[in-house]
Amino acid sequence: MRHMRQLAGADDFAAMAAIGADAYPGTKVVTEEDRLKLQQQLTARDEQPTVSFYGLFDDQQLLGGMQLHDFTMNMFGTMVAAGGVGYVAVDLLHKKEAVAKELLTFFVRRCRERDQPIALLYPFRPDFYKKMGFGYGPKISQYRVWPASLPRGPGKAHVRRLSASDAPLLTACYSRFCAARHGLIGRAERDVLASFGNAENKIIGYENNGQIAGYLIFSFKPNRSDAFLRNDIVVRELVYEHAEALAELLTFLHTQADQIDHIFFSLHDDSFHHLLFDPRNGTDNPIATLYQESNTQGVGIMYRVVNVRALFERLADRDFGGQTCKLKLTINDSFLPENSGELVVHFRNGHATVQGGGDYELAIQLDIAEFSSLLMGVVSFTALQRYSLAAISDASAIGTVNRLFLAEEKPICMTLF
């Protein structure tokens, strides 16, 4: 008989490692030594206080498992409890037997039970998770930049190499950055220390008056197998609290032009090309005849509201566009029926109060995936209505609803899980 439970003990993690090795063949876990190493890695992750592994069993046989995370995430200035899921793996012999569906059903219901009104994941197939109510997050842009195209500021006097002893300063910098940016996930010092544990990482910080106010995590990547002097820089993380910190960090990168061909940035930032001397990425790919390629884009992080009422209550301090109106929401959520239904929210000068029922002036209807993207500020209501992904009772009021949910900045996520 099938049942869900938390993984515990060497046998469970040995079975999870075997399933994960087959589910993710790109990790190249081939030998018994590789499998034992993976088992140790999974066991070590499980020892972290915010991580746990759960599996679906048929009697004593593990059919599939997943890694669950307890996060706090900045939503428009309020730190909200959030659930994350990763390393979803299904035994090859039990594919197409609804194992992943049972795992994800358990996950979203666990989020509700643990008072985590929003869930996050990185999809292996976005369409698969869209059917389960996860909405698309913002696109990430990869910029391939010549170092000389970066602005060279007046200097880099405050830039220095960081080491593991700087972890408390680096953690404080990220925490301030997280508190100021919608979508970022909180980190503990142990998470920051992990960056120093990767020998390939180079970490450069901007320090002033005893504080780290910005940093770069990057690594080198050869771009030609026949010439060891030809290398690129891959920026893994770029954090800055103010323009001065960014300017000095970019100046540092600019000065690498004698040895580095290109610098790769992966950013939730559609405006980044404005600071480049030459925004082209060197591919010379024409787009729509007269446009030149500046970056490539991809979809990744997905969001899912698992408790609509609770999330509005958490966002009591958010200014929903300064709008005043009485709105009835009808949410369709076939995957999590307890999250479906109608909810009346009164907005007064941008602040929301959940009514549950009663009078309203406007009504909108949409599926939970689209609502999740809308509430996160990823997509506008205008766009959803235009694409027939949302309906409204009064078309003349589309602008009002659009302003309710419009975000000054789309969410960013710099945590991989």
Protein backbone atom coordinates (compact mmCIF):
# COMPACT_ATOMS: atom_id res chain seq x y z
CA MET A 1 0.00 0.00 0.00
CA ARG A 2 1.31 3.45 -0.94
CA HIS A 3 2.18 5.93 1.77
CA MET A 4 4.30 9.05 2.27
CA ARG A 5 6.87 9.41 5.01
CA GLN A 6 10.06 11.23 5.85
CA LEU A 7 13.28 9.46 4.88
CA ALA A 8 15.36 8.23 7.79
CA GLY A 9 18.36 5.95 8.03
CA ALA A 10 21.01 4.62 5.68
CA ASP A 11 18.68 2.28 3.77
CA ASP A 12 16.30 5.10 2.85
CA PHE A 13 19.08 7.37 1.63
CA ALA A 14 20.77 4.54 -0.26
CA ALA A 15 17.49 3.96 -2.11
CA MET A 16 17.07 7.70 -2.73
CA ALA A 17 20.61 7.96 -4.10
CA ALA A 18 20.00 5.05 -6.47
CA ILE A 19 16.78 6.61 -7.77
CA GLY A 20 18.38 10.06 -8.05
CA ALA A 21 21.35 8.70 -10.01
CA ASP A 22 18.99 7.32 -12.67
CA ALA A 23 16.61 10.29 -12.60
CA TYR A 24 19.46 12.76 -13.20
CA PRO A 25 21.95 10.91 -15.44
CA GLY A 26 23.69 14.21 -16.22
CA THR A 27 25.19 14.12 -12.71
CA LYS A 28 27.22 11.09 -13.90
CA VAL A 29 26.72 8.95 -10.82
CA VAL A 30 27.88 5.68 -12.37
CA THR A 31 30.09 3.66 -10.07
CA GLU A 32 29.34 2.31 -6.61
CA GLU A 33 31.80 4.88 -5.25
CA ASP A 34 29.82 7.65 -6.99
CA ARG A 35 26.57 6.36 -5.51
CA LEU A 36 27.99 6.21 -1.99
CA LYS A 37 29.25 9.78 -2.36
CA LEU A 38 25.80 10.92 -3.47
CA GLN A 39 24.21 9.10 -0.54
CA GLN A 40 26.54 10.94 1.83
CA GLN A 41 25.69 14.27 0.19
CA LEU A 42 21.95 13.67 0.54
CA THR A 43 22.38 12.61 4.17
CA ALA A 44 24.41 15.77 4.88
CA ARG A 45 21.70 17.96 3.31
CA ASP A 46 19.08 16.25 5.46
CA GLU A 47 21.00 17.28 8.56
CA GLN A 48 20.42 20.97 7.80
CA PRO A 49 17.61 22.38 9.98
CA THR A 50 15.62 23.76 7.02
CA VAL A 51 15.87 20.66 4.79
CA SER A 52 14.03 17.34 4.91
CA PHE A 53 13.53 14.44 2.50
CA TYR A 54 10.23 12.68 1.93
CA GLY A 55 9.43 9.65 -0.18
CA LEU A 56 6.48 7.73 -1.57
CA PHE A 57 6.64 4.07 -0.58
CA ASP A 58 4.80 0.95 -1.69
CA ASP A 59 5.10 -1.09 1.49
CA GLN A 60 8.90 -0.86 2.05
CA GLN A 61 9.90 0.01 -1.54
CA LEU A 62 10.77 3.63 -2.32
CA LEU A 63 9.06 4.71 -5.55
CA GLY A 64 10.26 8.30 -5.57
CA GLY A 65 11.36 11.10 -3.30
CA MET A 66 12.01 14.81 -2.97
CA GLN A 67 13.97 17.37 -0.99
CA LEU A 68 11.85 19.94 0.87
CA HIS A 69 12.99 23.35 2.11
CA ASP A 70 11.61 25.76 4.70
CA PHE A 71 12.36 29.28 3.46
CA THR A 72 11.58 32.86 4.33
CA MET A 73 11.08 35.04 1.27
CA ASN A 74 10.78 38.79 0.82
CA MET A 75 7.38 39.60 -0.64
CA PHE A 76 7.16 43.34 -1.21
CA GLY A 77 9.05 44.10 1.99
CA THR A 78 7.43 41.44 4.21
CA MET A 79 9.33 38.26 5.03
CA VAL A 80 6.89 35.41 4.39
CA ALA A 81 7.31 31.71 5.17
CA ALA A 82 7.64 29.74 1.95
CA GLY A 83 8.12 26.11 1.01
CA GLY A 84 10.56 24.89 -1.62
CA VAL A 85 10.88 21.53 -3.35
CA GLY A 86 13.79 20.14 -5.31
CA TYR A 87 15.49 16.91 -6.32
CA VAL A 88 12.17 15.33 -7.28
CA ALA A 89 13.13 11.85 -8.48
CA VAL A 90 11.04 8.86 -9.54
CA ASP A 91 12.21 5.27 -9.94
CA LEU A 92 12.57 4.48 -13.66
CA LEU A 93 10.37 1.39 -13.22
CA HIS A 94 7.53 3.48 -11.82
CA LYS A 95 7.36 6.36 -14.30
CA LYS A 96 3.85 7.30 -15.49
CA GLU A 97 2.33 5.89 -12.29
CA ALA A 98 1.45 9.31 -10.79
CA VAL A 99 4.37 9.13 -8.33
CA ALA A 100 5.44 12.73 -8.97
CA LYS A 101 1.82 13.89 -8.66
CA GLU A 102 1.51 12.26 -5.23
CA LEU A 103 4.82 13.77 -4.14
CA LEU A 104 3.80 17.28 -5.21
CA THR A 105 0.32 16.92 -3.71
CA PHE A 106 1.92 16.07 -0.39
CA PHE A 107 4.31 19.02 -0.75
CA VAL A 108 1.69 21.72 -1.39
CA ARG A 109 -0.57 20.41 1.38
CA ARG A 110 2.40 20.31 3.74
CA CYS A 111 3.03 23.97 2.91
CA ARG A 112 -0.55 24.82 3.93
CA GLU A 113 -0.25 22.83 7.15
CA ARG A 114 3.03 24.55 8.03
CA ASP A 115 1.59 28.01 7.39
CA GLN A 116 3.70 28.54 4.28
CA PRO A 117 1.22 30.25 1.96
CA ILE A 118 3.50 30.18 -1.09
CA ALA A 119 5.57 27.41 -2.67
CA LEU A 120 8.54 27.57 -5.05
CA LEU A 121 10.41 25.23 -7.35
CA TYR A 122 12.73 25.05 -10.35
CA PRO A 123 11.00 22.92 -12.98
CA PHE A 124 12.57 20.21 -15.08
CA ARG A 125 9.56 20.79 -17.37
CA PRO A 126 7.57 24.01 -16.84
CA ASP A 127 4.45 22.58 -18.52
CA PHE A 128 4.36 19.66 -16.07
CA TYR A 129 4.29 21.94 -13.04
CA LYS A 130 1.98 24.47 -14.68
CA LYS A 131 -0.69 21.75 -14.69
CA MET A 132 -0.17 21.51 -10.92
CA GLY A 133 -0.87 25.21 -10.46
CA PHE A 134 2.65 26.64 -10.45
CA GLY A 135 2.89 29.97 -12.26
CA TYR A 136 5.85 31.17 -14.27
CA GLY A 137 8.36 33.41 -12.56
CA PRO A 138 10.42 36.11 -14.29
CA LYS A 139 12.78 35.24 -17.11
CA ILE A 140 16.48 35.28 -16.44
CA SER A 141 18.77 36.97 -18.97
CA GLN A 142 22.25 35.76 -19.77
CA TYR A 143 24.52 38.56 -20.96
CA ARG A 144 27.83 37.75 -22.70
CA VAL A 145 29.85 40.90 -22.25
CA TRP A 146 33.29 42.08 -23.37
CA PRO A 147 35.09 43.35 -20.25
CA ALA A 148 35.88 46.64 -21.98
CA SER A 149 32.12 47.21 -22.48
CA LEU A 150 31.64 47.49 -18.73
CA PRO A 151 31.92 51.00 -17.30
CA ARG A 152 35.23 51.84 -15.71
CA GLY A 153 34.61 54.02 -12.69
CA PRO A 154 37.02 56.34 -10.89
CA GLY A 155 38.66 53.43 -9.05
CA LYS A 156 38.38 50.21 -7.06
CA ALA A 157 40.00 51.27 -3.80
CA HIS A 158 37.34 49.55 -1.67
CA VAL A 159 37.47 46.20 -3.48
CA ARG A 160 39.27 43.25 -1.91
CA ARG A 161 39.39 39.47 -1.98
CA LEU A 162 37.14 37.82 0.63
CA SER A 163 37.74 34.66 2.62
CA ALA A 164 35.70 32.41 4.89
CA SER A 165 36.54 34.67 7.83
CA ASP A 166 34.44 37.36 6.12
CA ALA A 167 31.31 35.18 6.17
CA PRO A 168 29.59 37.23 8.94
CA LEU A 169 30.10 40.46 6.98
CA LEU A 170 28.96 38.80 3.76
CA THR A 171 25.89 37.37 5.49
CA ALA A 172 24.97 40.81 6.83
CA CYS A 173 25.36 42.31 3.36
CA TYR A 174 23.11 39.69 1.77
CA SER A 175 20.53 40.07 4.56
CA ARG A 176 20.26 43.83 3.95
CA PHE A 177 20.06 43.22 0.20
CA CYS A 178 17.38 40.56 0.77
CA ALA A 179 15.31 42.93 2.92
CA ALA A 180 15.31 45.46 0.08
CA ARG A 181 14.52 43.19 -2.90
CA HIS A 182 11.24 41.46 -3.63
CA GLY A 183 11.56 37.70 -4.17
CA LEU A 184 14.88 37.06 -2.45
CA ILE A 185 15.14 34.11 -0.04
CA GLY A 186 16.78 34.60 3.34
CA ARG A 187 20.12 32.94 4.06
CA ALA A 188 21.87 31.84 7.22
CA GLU A 189 25.63 32.17 7.70
CA ARG A 190 26.07 28.45 6.98
CA ASP A 191 24.59 29.03 3.49
CA VAL A 192 27.07 31.83 2.85
CA LEU A 193 29.98 29.71 4.10
CA ALA A 194 29.08 27.09 1.48
CA SER A 195 30.17 29.52 -1.25
CA PHE A 196 33.69 29.50 0.19
CA GLY A 197 33.65 25.71 0.22
CA ASN A 198 33.68 25.59 -3.59
CA ALA A 199 37.33 25.83 -4.67
CA GLU A 200 36.35 27.25 -8.08
CA ASN A 201 34.65 30.28 -6.56
CA LYS A 202 36.47 33.61 -6.38
CA ILE A 203 34.75 36.09 -4.07
CA ILE A 204 35.46 39.81 -4.33
CA GLY A 205 33.82 42.33 -2.00
CA TYR A 206 33.31 46.08 -1.74
CA GLU A 207 34.12 47.13 1.82
CA ASN A 208 33.69 50.59 3.29
CA ASN A 209 33.59 51.65 6.94
CA GLY A 210 33.81 48.06 8.11
CA GLN A 211 30.83 46.84 6.07
CA ILE A 212 30.64 44.72 2.95
CA ALA A 213 28.17 46.61 0.74
CA GLY A 214 28.50 44.49 -2.39
CA TYR A 215 30.23 41.39 -3.69
CA LEU A 216 30.90 39.21 -6.72
CA ILE A 217 31.11 35.43 -6.77
CA PHE A 218 32.67 34.21 -10.02
CA SER A 219 34.72 31.45 -11.57
CA PHE A 220 36.92 31.08 -14.64
CA LYS A 221 35.89 29.02 -17.65
CA PRO A 222 38.17 28.11 -20.59
CA ASN A 223 36.63 29.06 -23.92
CA ARG A 224 39.05 27.11 -26.13
CA SER A 225 40.40 23.63 -25.49
CA ASP A 226 43.54 24.32 -27.53
CA ALA A 227 44.58 27.59 -25.87
CA PHE A 228 44.94 27.71 -22.08
CA LEU A 229 45.31 31.51 -22.15
CA ARG A 230 41.79 32.06 -23.54
CA ASN A 231 39.31 32.21 -20.68
CA ASP A 232 35.97 33.70 -19.69
CA ILE A 233 34.56 34.76 -16.34
CA VAL A 234 31.19 33.39 -15.20
CA VAL A 235 29.56 35.59 -12.57
CA ARG A 236 27.64 33.32 -10.20
CA GLU A 237 26.28 36.07 -7.98
CA LEU A 238 26.28 39.87 -8.02
CA VAL A 239 25.00 41.74 -4.97
CA TYR A 240 25.24 45.46 -4.34
CA GLU A 241 23.51 47.81 -1.93
CA HIS A 242 24.21 51.06 -3.76
CA ALA A 243 25.59 52.48 -7.01
CA GLU A 244 29.08 53.10 -5.61
CA ALA A 245 29.54 49.43 -4.73
CA LEU A 246 28.34 48.33 -8.16
CA ALA A 247 30.62 50.83 -9.90
CA GLU A 248 33.75 49.55 -8.16
CA LEU A 249 32.85 45.89 -8.71
CA LEU A 250 32.28 46.57 -12.43
CA THR A 251 35.56 48.47 -12.57
CA PHE A 252 37.29 45.38 -11.15
CA LEU A 253 35.75 43.28 -13.95
CA HIS A 254 36.63 45.91 -16.57
CA THR A 255 40.29 45.65 -15.60
CA GLN A 256 40.36 41.92 -16.45
CA ALA A 257 40.17 42.70 -20.19
CA ASP A 258 43.82 41.75 -20.83
CA GLN A 259 43.24 38.10 -19.90
CA ILE A 260 39.47 37.56 -20.19
CA ASP A 261 37.54 37.37 -23.45
CA HIS A 262 33.97 37.51 -22.12
CA ILE A 263 32.10 37.88 -18.86
CA PHE A 264 28.82 35.99 -18.43
CA PHE A 265 26.11 37.47 -16.22
CA SER A 266 22.81 35.67 -15.49
CA LEU A 267 20.46 38.28 -14.07
CA HIS A 268 16.79 39.04 -13.48
CA ASP A 269 17.49 42.44 -15.02
CA ASP A 270 16.11 43.49 -18.40
CA SER A 271 17.80 46.89 -18.07
CA PHE A 272 21.39 45.69 -17.67
CA HIS A 273 22.30 46.45 -21.29
CA HIS A 274 21.87 50.17 -20.60
CA LEU A 275 25.13 50.33 -18.64
CA LEU A 276 27.15 48.54 -21.35
CA PHE A 277 29.25 50.49 -23.86
CA ASP A 278 28.31 47.86 -26.46
CA PRO A 279 25.19 45.80 -25.58
CA ARG A 280 25.73 43.15 -28.27
CA ASN A 281 26.74 39.70 -27.07
CA GLY A 282 29.10 38.90 -29.93
CA THR A 283 26.97 36.24 -31.64
CA ASP A 284 25.95 38.59 -34.48
CA ASN A 285 22.58 36.83 -34.58
CA PRO A 286 19.99 39.05 -36.31
CA ILE A 287 16.52 39.23 -34.78
CA ALA A 288 13.53 40.50 -36.76
CA THR A 289 15.97 41.74 -39.41
CA LEU A 290 17.07 45.00 -37.78
CA TYR A 291 17.69 43.94 -34.17
CA GLN A 292 20.96 42.54 -32.84
CA GLU A 293 21.15 39.93 -30.10
CA SER A 294 22.06 41.37 -26.71
CA ASN A 295 21.23 38.44 -24.42
CA THR A 296 19.48 35.10 -24.27
CA GLN A 297 16.59 34.39 -21.91
CA GLY A 298 15.10 31.42 -20.14
CA VAL A 299 12.32 30.50 -17.74
CA GLY A 300 13.09 28.96 -14.38
CA ILE A 301 11.73 29.63 -10.90
CA MET A 302 7.98 29.01 -10.53
CA TYR A 303 5.63 30.19 -7.78
CA ARG A 304 2.42 28.77 -6.37
CA VAL A 305 0.04 30.31 -3.88
CA VAL A 306 -1.24 27.46 -1.70
CA ASN A 307 -3.38 29.59 0.62
CA VAL A 308 -4.83 32.72 -1.01
CA ARG A 309 -6.51 34.09 2.12
CA ALA A 310 -3.44 33.58 4.32
CA LEU A 311 -1.14 35.27 1.82
CA PHE A 312 -3.31 38.39 1.61
CA GLU A 313 -3.29 38.49 5.40
CA ARG A 314 0.52 38.31 5.42
CA LEU A 315 0.67 41.19 2.95
CA ALA A 316 -1.36 43.57 5.12
CA ASP A 317 1.44 46.15 4.95
CA ARG A 318 1.83 46.02 1.18
CA ASP A 319 0.59 48.99 -0.84
CA PHE A 320 -1.41 47.50 -3.71
CA GLY A 321 -0.92 50.45 -6.03
CA GLY A 322 -2.71 52.96 -3.80
CA GLN A 323 -6.04 51.69 -5.15
CA THR A 324 -9.42 51.71 -3.43
CA CYS A 325 -11.95 49.11 -4.56
CA LYS A 326 -13.88 46.04 -3.45
CA LEU A 327 -12.74 43.03 -5.44
CA LYS A 328 -14.13 39.52 -5.63
CA LEU A 329 -11.54 36.92 -6.60
CA THR A 330 -12.62 33.57 -8.01
CA ILE A 331 -9.65 31.21 -8.06
CA ASN A 332 -9.73 27.91 -9.93
CA ASP A 333 -7.42 25.35 -8.31
CA SER A 334 -8.25 21.79 -9.39
CA PHE A 335 -4.99 20.38 -8.00
CA LEU A 336 -5.62 21.77 -4.50
CA PRO A 337 -9.41 22.13 -4.20
CA GLU A 338 -9.27 23.61 -0.69
CA ASN A 339 -7.53 26.61 -2.26
CA SER A 340 -10.30 27.14 -4.83
CA GLY A 341 -13.28 29.39 -4.52
CA GLU A 342 -14.32 32.97 -4.00
CA LEU A 343 -12.71 35.58 -1.80
CA VAL A 344 -13.70 39.22 -1.37
CA VAL A 345 -10.84 41.62 -0.68
CA HIS A 346 -11.42 45.29 0.14
CA PHE A 347 -8.58 47.60 -0.86
CA ARG A 348 -8.45 51.00 0.77
CA ASN A 349 -5.66 53.34 -0.33
CA GLY A 350 -3.74 50.27 -1.43
CA HIS A 351 -4.10 48.20 1.77
CA ALA A 352 -5.96 44.91 1.61
CA THR A 353 -8.47 43.48 4.05
CA VAL A 354 -9.88 40.01 3.45
CA GLN A 355 -13.66 39.92 3.84
CA GLY A 356 -14.40 36.39 2.74
CA GLY A 357 -17.83 37.46 1.45
CA GLY A 358 -20.08 40.50 1.27
CA ASP A 359 -20.38 43.33 -1.22
CA TYR A 360 -17.94 43.98 -4.06
CA GLU A 361 -17.58 46.31 -7.06
CA LEU A 362 -15.41 44.25 -9.38
CA ALA A 363 -14.94 40.53 -9.96
CA ILE A 364 -12.07 38.71 -11.60
CA GLN A 365 -11.61 35.01 -12.31
CA LEU A 366 -8.42 33.11 -13.14
CA ASP A 367 -6.54 29.88 -12.50
CA ILE A 368 -4.17 29.59 -9.57
CA ALA A 369 -1.05 29.45 -11.79
CA GLU A 370 -1.84 32.80 -13.39
CA PHE A 371 -2.93 34.29 -10.07
CA SER A 372 0.39 33.24 -8.51
CA SER A 373 2.35 34.99 -11.27
CA LEU A 374 0.08 38.03 -10.99
CA LEU A 375 0.40 38.34 -7.21
CA MET A 376 4.19 37.99 -7.42
CA GLY A 377 4.32 40.88 -9.89
CA VAL A 378 5.66 38.74 -12.73
CA VAL A 379 2.88 39.49 -15.23
CA SER A 380 0.31 42.27 -15.52
CA PHE A 381 -3.42 41.74 -15.29
CA THR A 382 -3.73 43.59 -18.60
CA ALA A 383 -1.62 40.92 -20.28
CA LEU A 384 -3.53 38.04 -18.67
CA GLN A 385 -6.87 39.49 -19.74
CA ARG A 386 -5.54 40.12 -23.26
CA TYR A 387 -4.46 36.47 -23.51
CA SER A 388 -7.85 35.25 -22.19
CA LEU A 389 -6.12 33.88 -19.09
CA ALA A 390 -8.21 36.07 -16.78
CA ALA A 391 -11.75 37.41 -16.88
CA ILE A 392 -13.16 40.61 -15.38
CA SER A 393 -16.74 41.70 -14.74
CA ASP A 394 -16.19 45.25 -16.06
CA ALA A 395 -13.69 45.75 -18.86
CA SER A 396 -13.50 49.48 -18.17
CA ALA A 397 -11.90 48.68 -14.79
CA ILE A 398 -8.97 46.66 -16.16
CA GLY A 399 -6.64 49.55 -15.35
CA THR A 400 -7.70 49.53 -11.69
CA VAL A 401 -7.00 45.81 -11.28
CA ASN A 402 -3.74 46.17 -13.20
CA ARG A 403 -2.55 48.90 -10.82
CA LEU A 404 -3.52 46.75 -7.81
CA PHE A 405 -1.04 44.04 -8.71
CA LEU A 406 1.59 45.94 -10.69
CA ALA A 407 5.04 45.61 -9.13
CA GLU A 408 7.73 48.26 -9.33
CA GLU A 409 10.25 45.44 -9.81
CA LYS A 410 9.74 41.79 -10.69
CA PRO A 411 10.92 39.24 -8.12
CA ILE A 412 14.47 37.95 -8.20
CA CYS A 413 15.74 34.65 -6.82
CA MET A 414 19.42 33.92 -6.30
CA THR A 415 19.04 30.68 -4.32
CA LEU A 416 19.35 27.37 -6.13
CA PHE A 417 17.69 24.37 -4.51
